[in-house]
């Protein structure tokens, strides 16, 4: 079983044009994400999948591996699936969908994400969650919440606060979905071709498609948060975190 990390990366964005090439502490964000993914212990290969010649050239420039995909891809998942086809991956290979706008992603997160595939041959898809520390993230619809069953599988994902504390007396741990996925190549193709679900359309969360069609998503709770860059002002926040770590 080979494990390939694919970073879907597009230049056009309504909120932040050219986001992958934004400079953070002297480096393009896509390079920071690429290098962190390369540092994971269990990854055999890291690929950037893009439809932008500018991103393609930058990745080539820092020595990264990159493939050009169609500009018709509807989502990052579609871009990852197309890249997997271009790379001719085996149906039993594991693919990690790495979020290109989370430059502080800890390499350990990827190793945690793929570990279930070594332990359980029946697992088809896994994802990451982080116990919420910042109270505002509990109610912010930008931060997707997930609830998990006793077997470590996702019960539901929502932009709303879940679970809802009716009595307001419970000591509740809330979990934020970090948006990284690992799946077998065969399941990725299956996922790509599933019809969109009703809940997926309501919440604008494509992972709900998996649950609506009766599949399980293994959730790994990581100790590492992974803040994302949504808009230009987020760059300063990321740089402040990096400077504190130095």
C-alpha atoms as a PDB file:
ATOM      1  CA  UNK A   1       0.000   0.000   0.000  1.00  0.00           C
ATOM      2  CA  UNK A   2       1.427   3.330  -1.103  1.00  0.00           C
ATOM      3  CA  UNK A   3       0.330   6.626   0.398  1.00  0.00           C
ATOM      4  CA  UNK A   4       0.204   9.724  -1.776  1.00  0.00           C
ATOM      5  CA  UNK A   5      -0.599  13.191  -0.471  1.00  0.00           C
ATOM      6  CA  UNK A   6      -2.314  15.426  -3.026  1.00  0.00           C
ATOM      7  CA  UNK A   7      -2.736  19.153  -2.425  1.00  0.00           C
ATOM      8  CA  UNK A   8      -5.526  20.622  -4.588  1.00  0.00           C
ATOM      9  CA  UNK A   9      -4.631  24.208  -5.393  1.00  0.00           C
ATOM     10  CA  UNK A  10      -6.479  26.777  -7.504  1.00  0.00           C
ATOM     11  CA  UNK A  11      -5.536  30.372  -8.205  1.00  0.00           C
ATOM     12  CA  UNK A  12      -9.015  31.848  -8.588  1.00  0.00           C
ATOM     13  CA  UNK A  13     -10.897  32.582  -5.387  1.00  0.00           C
ATOM     14  CA  UNK A  14     -13.657  35.105  -4.789  1.00  0.00           C
ATOM     15  CA  UNK A  15     -12.359  35.921  -1.301  1.00  0.00           C
ATOM     16  CA  UNK A  16      -8.602  35.766  -1.915  1.00  0.00           C
ATOM     17  CA  UNK A  17      -7.319  35.747  -5.495  1.00  0.00           C
ATOM     18  CA  UNK A  18      -4.024  33.889  -5.826  1.00  0.00           C
ATOM     19  CA  UNK A  19      -4.161  32.606  -2.237  1.00  0.00           C
ATOM     20  CA  UNK A  20      -1.776  29.629  -2.717  1.00  0.00           C
ATOM     21  CA  UNK A  21       0.968  32.040  -3.799  1.00  0.00           C
ATOM     22  CA  UNK A  22       0.525  34.431  -0.871  1.00  0.00           C
ATOM     23  CA  UNK A  23       3.858  34.997   0.848  1.00  0.00           C
ATOM     24  CA  UNK A  24       4.085  33.924   4.496  1.00  0.00           C
ATOM     25  CA  UNK A  25       7.384  34.620   6.255  1.00  0.00           C
ATOM     26  CA  UNK A  26       9.166  34.774   2.910  1.00  0.00           C
ATOM     27  CA  UNK A  27       7.633  31.644   1.321  1.00  0.00           C
ATOM     28  CA  UNK A  28       4.604  31.009  -0.894  1.00  0.00           C
ATOM     29  CA  UNK A  29       1.889  29.320   1.171  1.00  0.00           C
ATOM     30  CA  UNK A  30       1.753  26.347  -1.206  1.00  0.00           C
ATOM     31  CA  UNK A  31       5.454  25.700  -0.530  1.00  0.00           C
ATOM     32  CA  UNK A  32       4.900  25.730   3.240  1.00  0.00           C
ATOM     33  CA  UNK A  33       2.079  23.205   2.942  1.00  0.00           C
ATOM     34  CA  UNK A  34       4.088  21.036   0.543  1.00  0.00           C
ATOM     35  CA  UNK A  35       7.147  20.947   2.802  1.00  0.00           C
ATOM     36  CA  UNK A  36       5.087  20.064   5.870  1.00  0.00           C
ATOM     37  CA  UNK A  37       3.371  17.252   3.998  1.00  0.00           C
ATOM     38  CA  UNK A  38       6.768  15.944   2.865  1.00  0.00           C
ATOM     39  CA  UNK A  39       7.832  15.794   6.507  1.00  0.00           C
ATOM     40  CA  UNK A  40       5.164  13.211   7.382  1.00  0.00           C
ATOM     41  CA  UNK A  41       6.725   9.809   8.074  1.00  0.00           C
ATOM     42  CA  UNK A  42       4.239   7.619   6.218  1.00  0.00           C
ATOM     43  CA  UNK A  43       3.944   9.579   2.974  1.00  0.00           C
ATOM     44  CA  UNK A  44       5.563   8.115  -0.135  1.00  0.00           C
ATOM     45  CA  UNK A  45       4.873  11.043  -2.433  1.00  0.00           C
ATOM     46  CA  UNK A  46       3.471  14.597  -2.335  1.00  0.00           C
ATOM     47  CA  UNK A  47       1.807  16.145  -5.385  1.00  0.00           C
ATOM     48  CA  UNK A  48       0.257  19.554  -6.000  1.00  0.00           C
ATOM     49  CA  UNK A  49      -2.781  19.380  -8.307  1.00  0.00           C
ATOM     50  CA  UNK A  50      -3.635  22.709  -9.957  1.00  0.00           C
ATOM     51  CA  UNK A  51      -5.290  24.313 -12.961  1.00  0.00           C
ATOM     52  CA  UNK A  52      -3.056  27.387 -12.773  1.00  0.00           C
ATOM     53  CA  UNK A  53       0.140  27.808 -14.784  1.00  0.00           C
ATOM     54  CA  UNK A  54       1.362  30.321 -12.173  1.00  0.00           C
ATOM     55  CA  UNK A  55       1.022  27.783  -9.350  1.00  0.00           C
ATOM     56  CA  UNK A  56       2.503  25.055 -11.573  1.00  0.00           C
ATOM     57  CA  UNK A  57       5.593  27.178 -12.238  1.00  0.00           C
ATOM     58  CA  UNK A  58       6.068  28.152  -8.575  1.00  0.00           C
ATOM     59  CA  UNK A  59       5.881  24.522  -7.421  1.00  0.00           C
ATOM     60  CA  UNK A  60       8.339  23.496 -10.116  1.00  0.00           C
ATOM     61  CA  UNK A  61      10.545  26.367  -9.019  1.00  0.00           C
ATOM     62  CA  UNK A  62      10.965  25.111  -5.451  1.00  0.00           C
ATOM     63  CA  UNK A  63      11.469  21.513  -6.634  1.00  0.00           C
ATOM     64  CA  UNK A  64       8.007  20.188  -5.875  1.00  0.00           C
ATOM     65  CA  UNK A  65       6.024  17.665  -7.899  1.00  0.00           C
ATOM     66  CA  UNK A  66       2.953  19.072  -9.624  1.00  0.00           C
ATOM     67  CA  UNK A  67       0.309  17.958 -12.129  1.00  0.00           C
ATOM     68  CA  UNK A  68      -2.003  20.102 -14.228  1.00  0.00           C
ATOM     69  CA  UNK A  69      -5.694  19.327 -13.870  1.00  0.00           C
ATOM     70  CA  UNK A  70      -8.837  20.630 -15.552  1.00  0.00           C
ATOM     71  CA  UNK A  71     -10.266  24.047 -14.749  1.00  0.00           C
ATOM     72  CA  UNK A  72     -13.698  22.372 -14.738  1.00  0.00           C
ATOM     73  CA  UNK A  73     -13.200  20.662 -11.351  1.00  0.00           C
ATOM     74  CA  UNK A  74     -16.112  21.579  -9.061  1.00  0.00           C
ATOM     75  CA  UNK A  75     -14.273  20.914  -5.807  1.00  0.00           C
ATOM     76  CA  UNK A  76     -10.949  19.997  -4.262  1.00  0.00           C
ATOM     77  CA  UNK A  77     -12.129  16.381  -4.115  1.00  0.00           C
ATOM     78  CA  UNK A  78     -12.720  16.337  -7.881  1.00  0.00           C
ATOM     79  CA  UNK A  79      -9.258  17.801  -8.445  1.00  0.00           C
ATOM     80  CA  UNK A  80      -7.652  15.183  -6.187  1.00  0.00           C
ATOM     81  CA  UNK A  81      -9.549  12.417  -8.003  1.00  0.00           C
ATOM     82  CA  UNK A  82      -8.429  13.700 -11.420  1.00  0.00           C
ATOM     83  CA  UNK A  83      -4.820  13.932 -10.224  1.00  0.00           C
ATOM     84  CA  UNK A  84      -5.020  10.339  -8.944  1.00  0.00           C
ATOM     85  CA  UNK A  85      -6.154   9.236 -12.412  1.00  0.00           C
ATOM     86  CA  UNK A  86      -3.297  11.127 -14.061  1.00  0.00           C
ATOM     87  CA  UNK A  87      -0.841   9.469 -11.672  1.00  0.00           C
ATOM     88  CA  UNK A  88      -2.403   6.031 -12.369  1.00  0.00           C
ATOM     89  CA  UNK A  89      -2.570   5.119  -8.706  1.00  0.00           C
ATOM     90  CA  UNK A  90      -3.601   1.607  -7.683  1.00  0.00           C
ATOM     91  CA  UNK A  91      -7.144   1.115  -6.339  1.00  0.00           C
ATOM     92  CA  UNK A  92      -5.744  -0.022  -2.967  1.00  0.00           C
ATOM     93  CA  UNK A  93      -3.431   2.974  -2.595  1.00  0.00           C
ATOM     94  CA  UNK A  94      -4.309   5.536   0.063  1.00  0.00           C
ATOM     95  CA  UNK A  95      -4.665   9.167  -0.975  1.00  0.00           C
ATOM     96  CA  UNK A  96      -4.455  12.046   1.485  1.00  0.00           C
ATOM     97  CA  UNK A  97      -6.328  15.212   0.534  1.00  0.00           C
ATOM     98  CA  UNK A  98      -4.230  17.961   2.118  1.00  0.00           C
ATOM     99  CA  UNK A  99      -5.774  21.400   2.545  1.00  0.00           C
ATOM    100  CA  UNK A 100      -3.595  23.927   0.732  1.00  0.00           C
ATOM    101  CA  UNK A 101      -4.766  26.864   2.857  1.00  0.00           C
ATOM    102  CA  UNK A 102      -3.593  25.464   6.205  1.00  0.00           C
ATOM    103  CA  UNK A 103       0.140  26.337   6.207  1.00  0.00           C
ATOM    104  CA  UNK A 104       0.647  25.410   9.868  1.00  0.00           C
ATOM    105  CA  UNK A 105      -0.568  21.848   9.357  1.00  0.00           C
ATOM    106  CA  UNK A 106       1.513  19.572  11.595  1.00  0.00           C
ATOM    107  CA  UNK A 107       3.099  16.645   9.679  1.00  0.00           C
ATOM    108  CA  UNK A 108       1.987  14.348  12.511  1.00  0.00           C
ATOM    109  CA  UNK A 109      -1.608  15.006  11.463  1.00  0.00           C
ATOM    110  CA  UNK A 110      -1.052  13.146   8.204  1.00  0.00           C
ATOM    111  CA  UNK A 111       0.500  10.184   9.985  1.00  0.00           C
ATOM    112  CA  UNK A 112      -2.449  10.103  12.397  1.00  0.00           C
ATOM    113  CA  UNK A 113      -4.872  10.327   9.491  1.00  0.00           C
ATOM    114  CA  UNK A 114      -3.486   7.289   7.638  1.00  0.00           C
ATOM    115  CA  UNK A 115      -2.808   5.071  10.666  1.00  0.00           C
ATOM    116  CA  UNK A 116      -6.291   3.446  10.649  1.00  0.00           C
ATOM    117  CA  UNK A 117      -5.619   2.072   7.159  1.00  0.00           C
ATOM    118  CA  UNK A 118      -2.742   0.009   8.564  1.00  0.00           C
ATOM    119  CA  UNK A 119      -4.881  -1.297  11.427  1.00  0.00           C
ATOM    120  CA  UNK A 120      -8.212  -2.015   9.704  1.00  0.00           C
ATOM    121  CA  UNK A 121      -8.445  -3.219   6.076  1.00  0.00           C
ATOM    122  CA  UNK A 122     -12.128  -2.289   5.931  1.00  0.00           C
ATOM    123  CA  UNK A 123     -11.608   1.457   6.448  1.00  0.00           C
ATOM    124  CA  UNK A 124     -12.289   3.469   3.300  1.00  0.00           C
ATOM    125  CA  UNK A 125     -12.151   7.077   4.492  1.00  0.00           C
ATOM    126  CA  UNK A 126     -10.825   8.984   7.504  1.00  0.00           C
ATOM    127  CA  UNK A 127     -10.683  12.623   8.562  1.00  0.00           C
ATOM    128  CA  UNK A 128      -9.330  14.853  11.339  1.00  0.00           C
ATOM    129  CA  UNK A 129     -10.947  16.738  14.206  1.00  0.00           C
ATOM    130  CA  UNK A 130      -9.569  19.031  16.899  1.00  0.00           C
ATOM    131  CA  UNK A 131     -11.139  19.709  20.292  1.00  0.00           C
ATOM    132  CA  UNK A 132     -12.224  23.336  20.218  1.00  0.00           C
ATOM    133  CA  UNK A 133     -10.337  25.629  22.576  1.00  0.00           C
ATOM    134  CA  UNK A 134     -11.453  29.044  21.309  1.00  0.00           C
ATOM    135  CA  UNK A 135     -15.031  29.611  22.423  1.00  0.00           C
ATOM    136  CA  UNK A 136     -15.992  31.657  19.355  1.00  0.00           C
ATOM    137  CA  UNK A 137     -15.342  28.638  17.125  1.00  0.00           C
ATOM    138  CA  UNK A 138     -18.203  26.781  18.825  1.00  0.00           C
ATOM    139  CA  UNK A 139     -20.766  29.117  17.242  1.00  0.00           C
ATOM    140  CA  UNK A 140     -18.930  30.416  14.158  1.00  0.00           C
ATOM    141  CA  UNK A 141     -20.420  28.779  11.013  1.00  0.00           C
ATOM    142  CA  UNK A 142     -17.007  29.082   9.344  1.00  0.00           C
ATOM    143  CA  UNK A 143     -15.757  26.401  11.744  1.00  0.00           C
ATOM    144  CA  UNK A 144     -17.425  23.097  10.913  1.00  0.00           C
ATOM    145  CA  UNK A 145     -18.300  20.975  13.915  1.00  0.00           C
ATOM    146  CA  UNK A 146     -18.411  17.172  14.057  1.00  0.00           C
ATOM    147  CA  UNK A 147     -19.971  14.741  16.534  1.00  0.00           C
ATOM    148  CA  UNK A 148     -18.452  11.285  16.898  1.00  0.00           C
ATOM    149  CA  UNK A 149     -19.905   7.940  18.003  1.00  0.00           C
ATOM    150  CA  UNK A 150     -18.400   5.464  20.469  1.00  0.00           C
ATOM    151  CA  UNK A 151     -16.510   3.698  17.658  1.00  0.00           C
ATOM    152  CA  UNK A 152     -14.810   6.877  16.497  1.00  0.00           C
ATOM    153  CA  UNK A 153     -16.983   7.334  13.412  1.00  0.00           C
ATOM    154  CA  UNK A 154     -18.674  10.578  12.413  1.00  0.00           C
ATOM    155  CA  UNK A 155     -22.342  10.925  13.305  1.00  0.00           C
ATOM    156  CA  UNK A 156     -22.812  14.335  11.670  1.00  0.00           C
ATOM    157  CA  UNK A 157     -21.028  17.469  10.500  1.00  0.00           C
ATOM    158  CA  UNK A 158     -22.575  20.927  10.782  1.00  0.00           C
ATOM    159  CA  UNK A 159     -21.855  24.620  10.638  1.00  0.00           C
ATOM    160  CA  UNK A 160     -24.166  24.940  13.633  1.00  0.00           C
ATOM    161  CA  UNK A 161     -23.217  24.175  17.218  1.00  0.00           C
ATOM    162  CA  UNK A 162     -23.489  20.422  17.739  1.00  0.00           C
ATOM    163  CA  UNK A 163     -24.322  18.919  20.120  1.00  0.00           C
ATOM    164  CA  UNK A 164     -26.784  21.530  21.350  1.00  0.00           C
ATOM    165  CA  UNK A 165     -26.776  21.802  25.150  1.00  0.00           C
ATOM    166  CA  UNK A 166     -30.497  21.953  25.947  1.00  0.00           C
ATOM    167  CA  UNK A 167     -29.977  22.138  29.733  1.00  0.00           C
ATOM    168  CA  UNK A 168     -26.871  24.344  29.527  1.00  0.00           C
ATOM    169  CA  UNK A 169     -25.395  22.335  32.368  1.00  0.00           C
ATOM    170  CA  UNK A 170     -23.319  19.742  30.564  1.00  0.00           C
ATOM    171  CA  UNK A 171     -19.536  19.809  30.361  1.00  0.00           C
ATOM    172  CA  UNK A 172     -19.245  19.343  26.603  1.00  0.00           C
ATOM    173  CA  UNK A 173     -16.231  18.861  24.385  1.00  0.00           C
ATOM    174  CA  UNK A 174     -16.874  20.379  20.963  1.00  0.00           C
ATOM    175  CA  UNK A 175     -14.846  19.214  17.976  1.00  0.00           C
ATOM    176  CA  UNK A 176     -13.834  21.195  14.905  1.00  0.00           C
ATOM    177  CA  UNK A 177     -13.438  19.422  11.582  1.00  0.00           C
ATOM    178  CA  UNK A 178     -10.048  20.213  10.049  1.00  0.00           C
ATOM    179  CA  UNK A 179     -10.936  19.198   6.490  1.00  0.00           C
ATOM    180  CA  UNK A 180      -8.127  16.720   5.776  1.00  0.00           C
ATOM    181  CA  UNK A 181      -9.172  13.340   4.348  1.00  0.00           C
ATOM    182  CA  UNK A 182      -7.537  10.027   3.584  1.00  0.00           C
ATOM    183  CA  UNK A 183      -9.269   7.495   1.364  1.00  0.00           C
ATOM    184  CA  UNK A 184      -8.503   4.479  -0.741  1.00  0.00           C
ATOM    185  CA  UNK A 185      -8.300   5.265  -4.432  1.00  0.00           C
ATOM    186  CA  UNK A 186     -11.311   3.020  -5.063  1.00  0.00           C
ATOM    187  CA  UNK A 187     -13.438   4.878  -2.488  1.00  0.00           C
ATOM    188  CA  UNK A 188     -12.366   8.276  -3.825  1.00  0.00           C
ATOM    189  CA  UNK A 189     -13.707   7.305  -7.246  1.00  0.00           C
ATOM    190  CA  UNK A 190     -16.900   6.033  -5.621  1.00  0.00           C
ATOM    191  CA  UNK A 191     -17.273   9.255  -3.608  1.00  0.00           C
ATOM    192  CA  UNK A 192     -16.683  11.402  -6.671  1.00  0.00           C
ATOM    193  CA  UNK A 193     -19.522   9.708  -8.536  1.00  0.00           C
ATOM    194  CA  UNK A 194     -22.103   9.716  -5.724  1.00  0.00           C
ATOM    195  CA  UNK A 195     -25.036  12.049  -6.362  1.00  0.00           C
ATOM    196  CA  UNK A 196     -25.013  15.102  -4.106  1.00  0.00           C
ATOM    197  CA  UNK A 197     -27.093  14.655  -0.959  1.00  0.00           C
ATOM    198  CA  UNK A 198     -29.863  16.846   0.395  1.00  0.00           C
ATOM    199  CA  UNK A 199     -28.019  17.593   3.642  1.00  0.00           C
ATOM    200  CA  UNK A 200     -24.851  18.301   1.698  1.00  0.00           C
ATOM    201  CA  UNK A 201     -26.698  20.962  -0.299  1.00  0.00           C
ATOM    202  CA  UNK A 202     -28.255  22.480   2.829  1.00  0.00           C
ATOM    203  CA  UNK A 203     -25.032  22.707   4.869  1.00  0.00           C
ATOM    204  CA  UNK A 204     -22.684  23.129   1.863  1.00  0.00           C
ATOM    205  CA  UNK A 205     -20.532  20.288   3.245  1.00  0.00           C
ATOM    206  CA  UNK A 206     -19.596  17.569   0.765  1.00  0.00           C
ATOM    207  CA  UNK A 207     -18.568  15.074   3.479  1.00  0.00           C
ATOM    208  CA  UNK A 208     -22.257  14.747   4.363  1.00  0.00           C
ATOM    209  CA  UNK A 209     -22.681  13.013   1.006  1.00  0.00           C
ATOM    210  CA  UNK A 210     -20.689  10.090   2.399  1.00  0.00           C
ATOM    211  CA  UNK A 211     -22.911   9.779   5.476  1.00  0.00           C
ATOM    212  CA  UNK A 212     -26.127  10.229   3.502  1.00  0.00           C
ATOM    213  CA  UNK A 213     -25.176   7.294   1.304  1.00  0.00           C
ATOM    214  CA  UNK A 214     -24.614   5.078   4.335  1.00  0.00           C
ATOM    215  CA  UNK A 215     -20.802   4.996   4.536  1.00  0.00           C
ATOM    216  CA  UNK A 216     -18.732   5.542   7.677  1.00  0.00           C
ATOM    217  CA  UNK A 217     -16.061   8.199   8.137  1.00  0.00           C
ATOM    218  CA  UNK A 218     -13.412   7.389  10.742  1.00  0.00           C
ATOM    219  CA  UNK A 219     -12.583  10.503  12.781  1.00  0.00           C
ATOM    220  CA  UNK A 220      -9.145  10.919  14.331  1.00  0.00           C
ATOM    221  CA  UNK A 221      -8.931  13.528  17.070  1.00  0.00           C
ATOM    222  CA  UNK A 222      -5.573  15.242  16.818  1.00  0.00           C
ATOM    223  CA  UNK A 223      -3.801  17.397  19.382  1.00  0.00           C
ATOM    224  CA  UNK A 224      -2.701  19.790  16.614  1.00  0.00           C
ATOM    225  CA  UNK A 225      -4.914  22.642  15.471  1.00  0.00           C
ATOM    226  CA  UNK A 226      -4.500  23.777  11.868  1.00  0.00           C
ATOM    227  CA  UNK A 227      -5.675  27.376  11.345  1.00  0.00           C
ATOM    228  CA  UNK A 228      -6.615  28.245   7.781  1.00  0.00           C
ATOM    229  CA  UNK A 229      -6.128  31.245   5.553  1.00  0.00           C
ATOM    230  CA  UNK A 230      -9.477  32.453   4.201  1.00  0.00           C
ATOM    231  CA  UNK A 231      -8.805  36.127   3.519  1.00  0.00           C
ATOM    232  CA  UNK A 232      -5.662  38.303   3.222  1.00  0.00           C
ATOM    233  CA  UNK A 233      -5.741  39.526   6.833  1.00  0.00           C
ATOM    234  CA  UNK A 234      -5.336  35.907   8.003  1.00  0.00           C
ATOM    235  CA  UNK A 235      -1.738  36.001   6.727  1.00  0.00           C
ATOM    236  CA  UNK A 236      -0.729  38.289   9.584  1.00  0.00           C
ATOM    237  CA  UNK A 237      -2.310  35.935  12.128  1.00  0.00           C
ATOM    238  CA  UNK A 238      -0.373  32.971  10.714  1.00  0.00           C
ATOM    239  CA  UNK A 239       2.887  34.928  10.732  1.00  0.00           C
ATOM    240  CA  UNK A 240       2.339  35.933  14.346  1.00  0.00           C
ATOM    241  CA  UNK A 241       1.908  32.270  15.319  1.00  0.00           C
ATOM    242  CA  UNK A 242       5.083  31.337  13.428  1.00  0.00           C
ATOM    243  CA  UNK A 243       7.082  34.123  15.073  1.00  0.00           C
ATOM    244  CA  UNK A 244       5.965  32.976  18.515  1.00  0.00           C
ATOM    245  CA  UNK A 245       7.149  29.447  17.743  1.00  0.00           C
ATOM    246  CA  UNK A 246      10.590  30.634  16.598  1.00  0.00           C
END
